[in-house]
């Protein structure tokens, strides 16, 4: 991943200064207005990621939040809490089914390939009404766009989402996009927003990142085609994990998380691809 990061930053670096701004904790109910669809994906008792409603019953997040080297998690260990702040959510639901991008391989050694496919959809057991948490639309990243925004949970700030209203698009290659957004463990699956229209649209999600001499570098991917394929998989059942069953629709074992077990080497419980 670092070799690819270096390639992005030297060969594909966009001109202009970094746009990173301070994070704002969304502590008050009015801070969340319009952002209720962003929530915390809880993975068992000890892990979490960030996820976002793209339909009343569909949450977009990172594949590595629901799949690791040992295989997919049983969706029964997952829960989505929309607009969570300090223990209160605007709505929440168990997860009935989940599906990861068919090309996602957690053991892939090519970081660019792994991040590009790091997408998953969660189908909620109980849809969340749009009047409570309006879903966001997924769109292509405009080629001229230089400024995006991110809303995420993360290590050290996992009780409420934080918003970075403006960070920069600093490089692109194929399906992969590099940002200077300030993210950390737990930001996996966080929506990257194009805020240039009347309502923000999701143009990427956060997969991983690191710091280069103190400056944050994060990675995401282009979305529309991949999200369409995930929706199609849910319609057909191919590669889909079903809550409470011992296998997926394709016969692969779906496992439960052992209580008390960690979910990453950092021991924070927050999931994130470490480059």
C-alpha atoms as a PDB file:
ATOM      1  CA  UNK A   1       0.000   0.000   0.000  1.00  0.00           C
ATOM      2  CA  UNK A   2       2.784   2.422   0.834  1.00  0.00           C
ATOM      3  CA  UNK A   3       4.388   1.802  -2.561  1.00  0.00           C
ATOM      4  CA  UNK A   4       1.088   2.660  -4.201  1.00  0.00           C
ATOM      5  CA  UNK A   5       0.662   5.672  -1.935  1.00  0.00           C
ATOM      6  CA  UNK A   6       4.010   6.937  -3.062  1.00  0.00           C
ATOM      7  CA  UNK A   7       2.956   6.451  -6.662  1.00  0.00           C
ATOM      8  CA  UNK A   8      -0.207   8.469  -6.113  1.00  0.00           C
ATOM      9  CA  UNK A   9       1.570  11.266  -4.331  1.00  0.00           C
ATOM     10  CA  UNK A  10       4.366  11.591  -6.912  1.00  0.00           C
ATOM     11  CA  UNK A  11       2.790  10.653 -10.237  1.00  0.00           C
ATOM     12  CA  UNK A  12      -0.838  11.671  -9.694  1.00  0.00           C
ATOM     13  CA  UNK A  13      -0.620  14.470  -7.151  1.00  0.00           C
ATOM     14  CA  UNK A  14      -3.019  17.272  -7.975  1.00  0.00           C
ATOM     15  CA  UNK A  15      -1.698  20.799  -7.806  1.00  0.00           C
ATOM     16  CA  UNK A  16      -2.766  23.094  -4.985  1.00  0.00           C
ATOM     17  CA  UNK A  17      -2.566  23.076  -1.194  1.00  0.00           C
ATOM     18  CA  UNK A  18      -4.125  20.469   1.053  1.00  0.00           C
ATOM     19  CA  UNK A  19      -7.593  21.509   2.146  1.00  0.00           C
ATOM     20  CA  UNK A  20      -7.794  19.653   5.441  1.00  0.00           C
ATOM     21  CA  UNK A  21      -9.766  21.396   8.184  1.00  0.00           C
ATOM     22  CA  UNK A  22     -10.371  20.612  11.832  1.00  0.00           C
ATOM     23  CA  UNK A  23     -12.875  17.942  12.774  1.00  0.00           C
ATOM     24  CA  UNK A  24     -16.165  19.031  14.336  1.00  0.00           C
ATOM     25  CA  UNK A  25     -17.810  16.676  16.794  1.00  0.00           C
ATOM     26  CA  UNK A  26     -21.521  16.403  16.062  1.00  0.00           C
ATOM     27  CA  UNK A  27     -22.645  16.443  19.675  1.00  0.00           C
ATOM     28  CA  UNK A  28     -26.021  18.187  19.414  1.00  0.00           C
ATOM     29  CA  UNK A  29     -29.157  17.025  17.645  1.00  0.00           C
ATOM     30  CA  UNK A  30     -29.087  20.088  15.398  1.00  0.00           C
ATOM     31  CA  UNK A  31     -25.510  19.239  14.389  1.00  0.00           C
ATOM     32  CA  UNK A  32     -26.854  16.032  12.847  1.00  0.00           C
ATOM     33  CA  UNK A  33     -29.571  17.605  10.718  1.00  0.00           C
ATOM     34  CA  UNK A  34     -29.292  16.112   7.252  1.00  0.00           C
ATOM     35  CA  UNK A  35     -26.637  13.642   8.391  1.00  0.00           C
ATOM     36  CA  UNK A  36     -28.813  11.210  10.361  1.00  0.00           C
ATOM     37  CA  UNK A  37     -28.198   8.495   7.748  1.00  0.00           C
ATOM     38  CA  UNK A  38     -24.546   8.247   8.820  1.00  0.00           C
ATOM     39  CA  UNK A  39     -24.187   5.809  11.687  1.00  0.00           C
ATOM     40  CA  UNK A  40     -22.040   3.282  13.447  1.00  0.00           C
ATOM     41  CA  UNK A  41     -21.887  -0.310  12.226  1.00  0.00           C
ATOM     42  CA  UNK A  42     -21.315  -2.366  15.367  1.00  0.00           C
ATOM     43  CA  UNK A  43     -19.440  -5.619  14.833  1.00  0.00           C
ATOM     44  CA  UNK A  44     -20.094  -7.957  17.739  1.00  0.00           C
ATOM     45  CA  UNK A  45     -19.382  -6.538  21.175  1.00  0.00           C
ATOM     46  CA  UNK A  46     -15.971  -5.125  20.430  1.00  0.00           C
ATOM     47  CA  UNK A  47     -15.755  -3.712  16.919  1.00  0.00           C
ATOM     48  CA  UNK A  48     -17.250  -0.949  14.858  1.00  0.00           C
ATOM     49  CA  UNK A  49     -17.050   0.839  11.525  1.00  0.00           C
ATOM     50  CA  UNK A  50     -18.892   3.739   9.943  1.00  0.00           C
ATOM     51  CA  UNK A  51     -21.784   3.157   7.548  1.00  0.00           C
ATOM     52  CA  UNK A  52     -24.376   5.179   5.659  1.00  0.00           C
ATOM     53  CA  UNK A  53     -27.918   4.532   4.489  1.00  0.00           C
ATOM     54  CA  UNK A  54     -28.247   4.590   0.702  1.00  0.00           C
ATOM     55  CA  UNK A  55     -31.819   3.241   0.919  1.00  0.00           C
ATOM     56  CA  UNK A  56     -34.133   2.818   3.927  1.00  0.00           C
ATOM     57  CA  UNK A  57     -32.925  -0.772   4.301  1.00  0.00           C
ATOM     58  CA  UNK A  58     -29.382  -0.618   2.843  1.00  0.00           C
ATOM     59  CA  UNK A  59     -26.187   0.505   4.570  1.00  0.00           C
ATOM     60  CA  UNK A  60     -22.996   1.086   2.598  1.00  0.00           C
ATOM     61  CA  UNK A  61     -19.769   0.277   4.434  1.00  0.00           C
ATOM     62  CA  UNK A  62     -16.340  -1.298   3.906  1.00  0.00           C
ATOM     63  CA  UNK A  63     -16.002  -4.997   3.086  1.00  0.00           C
ATOM     64  CA  UNK A  64     -13.275  -5.527   5.677  1.00  0.00           C
ATOM     65  CA  UNK A  65     -15.836  -4.582   8.342  1.00  0.00           C
ATOM     66  CA  UNK A  66     -17.749  -7.795   7.651  1.00  0.00           C
ATOM     67  CA  UNK A  67     -15.029 -10.091   6.255  1.00  0.00           C
ATOM     68  CA  UNK A  68     -11.569 -10.915   7.578  1.00  0.00           C
ATOM     69  CA  UNK A  69      -8.887 -13.504   6.873  1.00  0.00           C
ATOM     70  CA  UNK A  70     -11.074 -16.229   8.388  1.00  0.00           C
ATOM     71  CA  UNK A  71     -14.102 -15.428   6.247  1.00  0.00           C
ATOM     72  CA  UNK A  72     -17.383 -13.483   6.518  1.00  0.00           C
ATOM     73  CA  UNK A  73     -19.092 -12.672   9.792  1.00  0.00           C
ATOM     74  CA  UNK A  74     -22.613 -13.880  10.444  1.00  0.00           C
ATOM     75  CA  UNK A  75     -24.805 -10.767   9.927  1.00  0.00           C
ATOM     76  CA  UNK A  76     -26.438 -11.622  13.241  1.00  0.00           C
ATOM     77  CA  UNK A  77     -23.409 -10.053  14.999  1.00  0.00           C
ATOM     78  CA  UNK A  78     -23.897  -6.746  13.148  1.00  0.00           C
ATOM     79  CA  UNK A  79     -26.077  -3.782  14.101  1.00  0.00           C
ATOM     80  CA  UNK A  80     -26.507  -0.359  12.513  1.00  0.00           C
ATOM     81  CA  UNK A  81     -27.145   2.692  14.725  1.00  0.00           C
ATOM     82  CA  UNK A  82     -28.113   5.724  12.634  1.00  0.00           C
ATOM     83  CA  UNK A  83     -27.158   9.167  13.903  1.00  0.00           C
ATOM     84  CA  UNK A  84     -25.551   7.744  17.032  1.00  0.00           C
ATOM     85  CA  UNK A  85     -24.291  10.327  19.512  1.00  0.00           C
ATOM     86  CA  UNK A  86     -23.380   9.668  23.112  1.00  0.00           C
ATOM     87  CA  UNK A  87     -25.394   6.467  23.387  1.00  0.00           C
ATOM     88  CA  UNK A  88     -28.500   7.748  21.589  1.00  0.00           C
ATOM     89  CA  UNK A  89     -29.387   7.004  17.981  1.00  0.00           C
ATOM     90  CA  UNK A  90     -32.193   8.358  15.822  1.00  0.00           C
ATOM     91  CA  UNK A  91     -32.944   4.748  14.777  1.00  0.00           C
ATOM     92  CA  UNK A  92     -31.221   1.390  14.744  1.00  0.00           C
ATOM     93  CA  UNK A  93     -31.671  -2.082  13.341  1.00  0.00           C
ATOM     94  CA  UNK A  94     -30.196  -5.544  13.272  1.00  0.00           C
ATOM     95  CA  UNK A  95     -28.755  -6.743   9.971  1.00  0.00           C
ATOM     96  CA  UNK A  96     -30.643  -9.433   8.074  1.00  0.00           C
ATOM     97  CA  UNK A  97     -28.201  -9.998   5.202  1.00  0.00           C
ATOM     98  CA  UNK A  98     -24.817  -8.740   4.054  1.00  0.00           C
ATOM     99  CA  UNK A  99     -22.722  -8.955   0.921  1.00  0.00           C
ATOM    100  CA  UNK A 100     -19.169  -7.876   0.129  1.00  0.00           C
ATOM    101  CA  UNK A 101     -17.751  -7.038  -3.283  1.00  0.00           C
ATOM    102  CA  UNK A 102     -17.098 -10.355  -5.032  1.00  0.00           C
ATOM    103  CA  UNK A 103     -13.532  -9.326  -5.852  1.00  0.00           C
ATOM    104  CA  UNK A 104     -12.625  -8.329  -2.295  1.00  0.00           C
ATOM    105  CA  UNK A 105      -9.878 -10.517  -0.836  1.00  0.00           C
ATOM    106  CA  UNK A 106      -8.604  -9.586   2.648  1.00  0.00           C
ATOM    107  CA  UNK A 107      -5.364 -11.427   1.900  1.00  0.00           C
ATOM    108  CA  UNK A 108      -4.724  -9.544  -1.342  1.00  0.00           C
ATOM    109  CA  UNK A 109      -1.153  -8.228  -1.239  1.00  0.00           C
ATOM    110  CA  UNK A 110      -1.795  -5.541  -3.852  1.00  0.00           C
ATOM    111  CA  UNK A 111      -3.064  -2.706  -1.679  1.00  0.00           C
ATOM    112  CA  UNK A 112      -4.614  -0.844  -4.600  1.00  0.00           C
ATOM    113  CA  UNK A 113      -6.650  -3.882  -5.658  1.00  0.00           C
ATOM    114  CA  UNK A 114      -7.726  -4.606  -2.099  1.00  0.00           C
ATOM    115  CA  UNK A 115      -8.880  -1.052  -1.362  1.00  0.00           C
ATOM    116  CA  UNK A 116     -10.635  -0.698  -4.731  1.00  0.00           C
ATOM    117  CA  UNK A 117     -12.880  -3.657  -3.884  1.00  0.00           C
ATOM    118  CA  UNK A 118     -13.379  -2.814  -0.198  1.00  0.00           C
ATOM    119  CA  UNK A 119     -17.161  -2.343  -0.378  1.00  0.00           C
ATOM    120  CA  UNK A 120     -20.134  -4.025   1.262  1.00  0.00           C
ATOM    121  CA  UNK A 121     -23.876  -3.598   1.654  1.00  0.00           C
ATOM    122  CA  UNK A 122     -25.870  -4.469   4.758  1.00  0.00           C
ATOM    123  CA  UNK A 123     -29.582  -5.173   4.417  1.00  0.00           C
ATOM    124  CA  UNK A 124     -31.369  -4.116   7.584  1.00  0.00           C
ATOM    125  CA  UNK A 125     -33.920  -6.305   9.297  1.00  0.00           C
ATOM    126  CA  UNK A 126     -36.086  -3.218   9.849  1.00  0.00           C
ATOM    127  CA  UNK A 127     -35.936  -0.372   7.298  1.00  0.00           C
ATOM    128  CA  UNK A 128     -35.349   3.092   8.732  1.00  0.00           C
ATOM    129  CA  UNK A 129     -37.891   5.607   7.397  1.00  0.00           C
ATOM    130  CA  UNK A 130     -36.473   8.345   5.189  1.00  0.00           C
ATOM    131  CA  UNK A 131     -38.289  10.875   7.369  1.00  0.00           C
ATOM    132  CA  UNK A 132     -36.061   9.766  10.243  1.00  0.00           C
ATOM    133  CA  UNK A 133     -32.782   9.384   8.345  1.00  0.00           C
ATOM    134  CA  UNK A 134     -32.852  10.347   4.670  1.00  0.00           C
ATOM    135  CA  UNK A 135     -30.606   8.055   2.598  1.00  0.00           C
ATOM    136  CA  UNK A 136     -27.845   9.520   0.456  1.00  0.00           C
ATOM    137  CA  UNK A 137     -27.389   8.979  -3.247  1.00  0.00           C
ATOM    138  CA  UNK A 138     -24.216   7.414  -4.649  1.00  0.00           C
ATOM    139  CA  UNK A 139     -22.552   9.250  -7.539  1.00  0.00           C
ATOM    140  CA  UNK A 140     -19.358   9.423  -9.577  1.00  0.00           C
ATOM    141  CA  UNK A 141     -16.587  11.697  -8.386  1.00  0.00           C
ATOM    142  CA  UNK A 142     -16.510  14.663 -10.746  1.00  0.00           C
ATOM    143  CA  UNK A 143     -13.122  14.813 -12.436  1.00  0.00           C
ATOM    144  CA  UNK A 144     -12.701  18.478 -11.582  1.00  0.00           C
ATOM    145  CA  UNK A 145     -13.704  18.146  -7.927  1.00  0.00           C
ATOM    146  CA  UNK A 146     -10.893  19.033  -5.526  1.00  0.00           C
ATOM    147  CA  UNK A 147     -12.753  19.399  -2.230  1.00  0.00           C
ATOM    148  CA  UNK A 148     -14.825  16.754  -0.422  1.00  0.00           C
ATOM    149  CA  UNK A 149     -16.161  16.218   3.097  1.00  0.00           C
ATOM    150  CA  UNK A 150     -16.153  13.220   5.438  1.00  0.00           C
ATOM    151  CA  UNK A 151     -18.309  12.188   8.408  1.00  0.00           C
ATOM    152  CA  UNK A 152     -16.950   9.351  10.516  1.00  0.00           C
ATOM    153  CA  UNK A 153     -16.598   7.624  13.835  1.00  0.00           C
ATOM    154  CA  UNK A 154     -13.039   6.753  14.850  1.00  0.00           C
ATOM    155  CA  UNK A 155     -10.776   5.671  17.651  1.00  0.00           C
ATOM    156  CA  UNK A 156     -10.878   8.260  20.404  1.00  0.00           C
ATOM    157  CA  UNK A 157     -14.057   9.790  18.964  1.00  0.00           C
ATOM    158  CA  UNK A 158     -16.351   6.810  18.656  1.00  0.00           C
ATOM    159  CA  UNK A 159     -19.257   8.051  20.799  1.00  0.00           C
ATOM    160  CA  UNK A 160     -20.409  10.588  18.201  1.00  0.00           C
ATOM    161  CA  UNK A 161     -19.602  11.254  14.555  1.00  0.00           C
ATOM    162  CA  UNK A 162     -17.120  13.930  13.567  1.00  0.00           C
ATOM    163  CA  UNK A 163     -17.391  15.980  10.395  1.00  0.00           C
ATOM    164  CA  UNK A 164     -14.516  17.281   8.362  1.00  0.00           C
ATOM    165  CA  UNK A 165     -16.324  19.745   6.142  1.00  0.00           C
ATOM    166  CA  UNK A 166     -13.480  20.125   3.703  1.00  0.00           C
ATOM    167  CA  UNK A 167     -10.538  17.941   2.730  1.00  0.00           C
ATOM    168  CA  UNK A 168      -8.791  17.477  -0.578  1.00  0.00           C
ATOM    169  CA  UNK A 169      -8.766  14.991  -3.442  1.00  0.00           C
ATOM    170  CA  UNK A 170      -5.026  14.519  -3.943  1.00  0.00           C
ATOM    171  CA  UNK A 171      -4.727  11.667  -6.427  1.00  0.00           C
ATOM    172  CA  UNK A 172      -6.532   9.040  -8.507  1.00  0.00           C
ATOM    173  CA  UNK A 173      -5.643   5.846 -10.291  1.00  0.00           C
ATOM    174  CA  UNK A 174      -8.209   3.598 -11.936  1.00  0.00           C
ATOM    175  CA  UNK A 175     -10.883   2.973  -9.258  1.00  0.00           C
ATOM    176  CA  UNK A 176      -8.696   4.215  -6.397  1.00  0.00           C
ATOM    177  CA  UNK A 177      -8.821   7.758  -4.949  1.00  0.00           C
ATOM    178  CA  UNK A 178      -6.462   9.396  -2.427  1.00  0.00           C
ATOM    179  CA  UNK A 179      -7.581  12.138  -0.029  1.00  0.00           C
ATOM    180  CA  UNK A 180      -6.004  14.217   2.722  1.00  0.00           C
ATOM    181  CA  UNK A 181      -8.989  13.535   4.996  1.00  0.00           C
ATOM    182  CA  UNK A 182      -8.270  13.014   8.701  1.00  0.00           C
ATOM    183  CA  UNK A 183      -9.419   9.459   9.448  1.00  0.00           C
ATOM    184  CA  UNK A 184      -8.421   6.659  11.809  1.00  0.00           C
ATOM    185  CA  UNK A 185      -9.480   3.209  12.982  1.00  0.00           C
ATOM    186  CA  UNK A 186     -13.299   3.171  12.930  1.00  0.00           C
ATOM    187  CA  UNK A 187     -13.506   5.456   9.894  1.00  0.00           C
ATOM    188  CA  UNK A 188     -13.701   2.402   7.641  1.00  0.00           C
ATOM    189  CA  UNK A 189     -16.813   2.767   5.507  1.00  0.00           C
ATOM    190  CA  UNK A 190     -17.141   6.497   6.239  1.00  0.00           C
ATOM    191  CA  UNK A 191     -18.882   8.407   3.428  1.00  0.00           C
ATOM    192  CA  UNK A 192     -16.876  10.858   1.348  1.00  0.00           C
ATOM    193  CA  UNK A 193     -19.275  13.574   0.226  1.00  0.00           C
ATOM    194  CA  UNK A 194     -19.425  15.859  -2.775  1.00  0.00           C
ATOM    195  CA  UNK A 195     -21.094  18.887  -1.211  1.00  0.00           C
ATOM    196  CA  UNK A 196     -21.295  21.044  -4.321  1.00  0.00           C
ATOM    197  CA  UNK A 197     -25.005  20.415  -4.971  1.00  0.00           C
ATOM    198  CA  UNK A 198     -28.175  21.079  -3.013  1.00  0.00           C
ATOM    199  CA  UNK A 199     -27.704  17.851  -1.053  1.00  0.00           C
ATOM    200  CA  UNK A 200     -24.430  15.968  -0.590  1.00  0.00           C
ATOM    201  CA  UNK A 201     -23.869  12.772  -2.556  1.00  0.00           C
ATOM    202  CA  UNK A 202     -21.499   9.942  -1.642  1.00  0.00           C
ATOM    203  CA  UNK A 203     -18.607   9.707  -4.109  1.00  0.00           C
ATOM    204  CA  UNK A 204     -16.402   7.272  -2.162  1.00  0.00           C
ATOM    205  CA  UNK A 205     -16.006   5.559   1.198  1.00  0.00           C
ATOM    206  CA  UNK A 206     -12.917   5.377   3.366  1.00  0.00           C
ATOM    207  CA  UNK A 207     -11.010   2.098   3.352  1.00  0.00           C
ATOM    208  CA  UNK A 208      -7.641   2.887   4.939  1.00  0.00           C
ATOM    209  CA  UNK A 209      -4.924   5.424   5.389  1.00  0.00           C
ATOM    210  CA  UNK A 210      -1.828   6.524   7.253  1.00  0.00           C
ATOM    211  CA  UNK A 211       0.111   9.663   8.156  1.00  0.00           C
ATOM    212  CA  UNK A 212       3.030  10.954   6.125  1.00  0.00           C
ATOM    213  CA  UNK A 213       5.165  13.256   8.292  1.00  0.00           C
ATOM    214  CA  UNK A 214       2.061  14.071  10.295  1.00  0.00           C
ATOM    215  CA  UNK A 215      -0.159  14.725   7.281  1.00  0.00           C
ATOM    216  CA  UNK A 216      -3.146  12.382   6.839  1.00  0.00           C
ATOM    217  CA  UNK A 217      -3.435  10.330   3.653  1.00  0.00           C
ATOM    218  CA  UNK A 218      -6.588   8.254   3.183  1.00  0.00           C
ATOM    219  CA  UNK A 219      -7.866   5.999   0.439  1.00  0.00           C
ATOM    220  CA  UNK A 220     -11.249   5.227  -1.056  1.00  0.00           C
ATOM    221  CA  UNK A 221     -12.689   4.014  -4.326  1.00  0.00           C
ATOM    222  CA  UNK A 222     -15.146   4.942  -7.055  1.00  0.00           C
ATOM    223  CA  UNK A 223     -18.637   3.667  -6.286  1.00  0.00           C
ATOM    224  CA  UNK A 224     -21.565   3.543  -8.727  1.00  0.00           C
ATOM    225  CA  UNK A 225     -20.793   0.402 -10.746  1.00  0.00           C
ATOM    226  CA  UNK A 226     -19.629  -1.553  -7.713  1.00  0.00           C
ATOM    227  CA  UNK A 227     -22.659  -0.547  -5.631  1.00  0.00           C
ATOM    228  CA  UNK A 228     -24.961  -1.581  -8.483  1.00  0.00           C
ATOM    229  CA  UNK A 229     -23.315  -5.018  -8.469  1.00  0.00           C
ATOM    230  CA  UNK A 230     -23.828  -5.342  -4.730  1.00  0.00           C
ATOM    231  CA  UNK A 231     -27.506  -4.455  -5.101  1.00  0.00           C
ATOM    232  CA  UNK A 232     -27.800  -7.094  -7.818  1.00  0.00           C
ATOM    233  CA  UNK A 233     -26.136  -9.662  -5.565  1.00  0.00           C
ATOM    234  CA  UNK A 234     -28.729  -8.985  -2.854  1.00  0.00           C
ATOM    235  CA  UNK A 235     -31.489  -9.470  -5.430  1.00  0.00           C
ATOM    236  CA  UNK A 236     -30.089 -12.806  -6.629  1.00  0.00           C
ATOM    237  CA  UNK A 237     -28.676 -14.011  -3.316  1.00  0.00           C
ATOM    238  CA  UNK A 238     -25.275 -14.740  -4.812  1.00  0.00           C
ATOM    239  CA  UNK A 239     -22.505 -14.371  -2.236  1.00  0.00           C
ATOM    240  CA  UNK A 240     -24.982 -13.101   0.355  1.00  0.00           C
ATOM    241  CA  UNK A 241     -24.591 -13.875   4.074  1.00  0.00           C
ATOM    242  CA  UNK A 242     -27.858 -14.544   5.900  1.00  0.00           C
ATOM    243  CA  UNK A 243     -28.237 -13.780   9.603  1.00  0.00           C
ATOM    244  CA  UNK A 244     -28.438 -16.748  11.926  1.00  0.00           C
ATOM    245  CA  UNK A 245     -27.374 -19.334   9.370  1.00  0.00           C
ATOM    246  CA  UNK A 246     -24.169 -21.320   9.404  1.00  0.00           C
ATOM    247  CA  UNK A 247     -23.492 -20.758   5.707  1.00  0.00           C
ATOM    248  CA  UNK A 248     -23.956 -18.148   3.014  1.00  0.00           C
ATOM    249  CA  UNK A 249     -26.232 -18.662   0.029  1.00  0.00           C
ATOM    250  CA  UNK A 250     -23.172 -20.038  -1.798  1.00  0.00           C
ATOM    251  CA  UNK A 251     -22.286 -22.469   0.959  1.00  0.00           C
ATOM    252  CA  UNK A 252     -19.378 -20.581   2.540  1.00  0.00           C
ATOM    253  CA  UNK A 253     -19.194 -20.617   6.308  1.00  0.00           C
ATOM    254  CA  UNK A 254     -20.380 -17.445   8.040  1.00  0.00           C
ATOM    255  CA  UNK A 255     -18.953 -17.178  11.537  1.00  0.00           C
ATOM    256  CA  UNK A 256     -19.807 -15.517  14.765  1.00  0.00           C
ATOM    257  CA  UNK A 257     -17.345 -13.385  16.685  1.00  0.00           C
ATOM    258  CA  UNK A 258     -16.059 -14.821  19.929  1.00  0.00           C
ATOM    259  CA  UNK A 259     -17.129 -12.511  22.792  1.00  0.00           C
ATOM    260  CA  UNK A 260     -14.175 -10.611  24.151  1.00  0.00           C
ATOM    261  CA  UNK A 261     -12.146 -11.157  21.004  1.00  0.00           C
ATOM    262  CA  UNK A 262     -10.406  -8.208  19.407  1.00  0.00           C
ATOM    263  CA  UNK A 263     -11.108  -7.041  15.880  1.00  0.00           C
ATOM    264  CA  UNK A 264      -7.771  -5.564  14.895  1.00  0.00           C
ATOM    265  CA  UNK A 265      -4.139  -5.545  15.876  1.00  0.00           C
ATOM    266  CA  UNK A 266      -4.463  -2.085  17.377  1.00  0.00           C
ATOM    267  CA  UNK A 267      -6.827  -3.454  20.007  1.00  0.00           C
ATOM    268  CA  UNK A 268      -9.191  -0.500  19.707  1.00  0.00           C
ATOM    269  CA  UNK A 269     -12.160  -2.448  18.416  1.00  0.00           C
ATOM    270  CA  UNK A 270     -12.354  -0.124  15.432  1.00  0.00           C
ATOM    271  CA  UNK A 271     -11.810  -1.659  12.028  1.00  0.00           C
ATOM    272  CA  UNK A 272      -9.502  -0.081   9.469  1.00  0.00           C
ATOM    273  CA  UNK A 273      -7.098  -1.316   6.802  1.00  0.00           C
ATOM    274  CA  UNK A 274      -3.609  -0.527   8.005  1.00  0.00           C
ATOM    275  CA  UNK A 275      -1.424   0.219   4.951  1.00  0.00           C
END
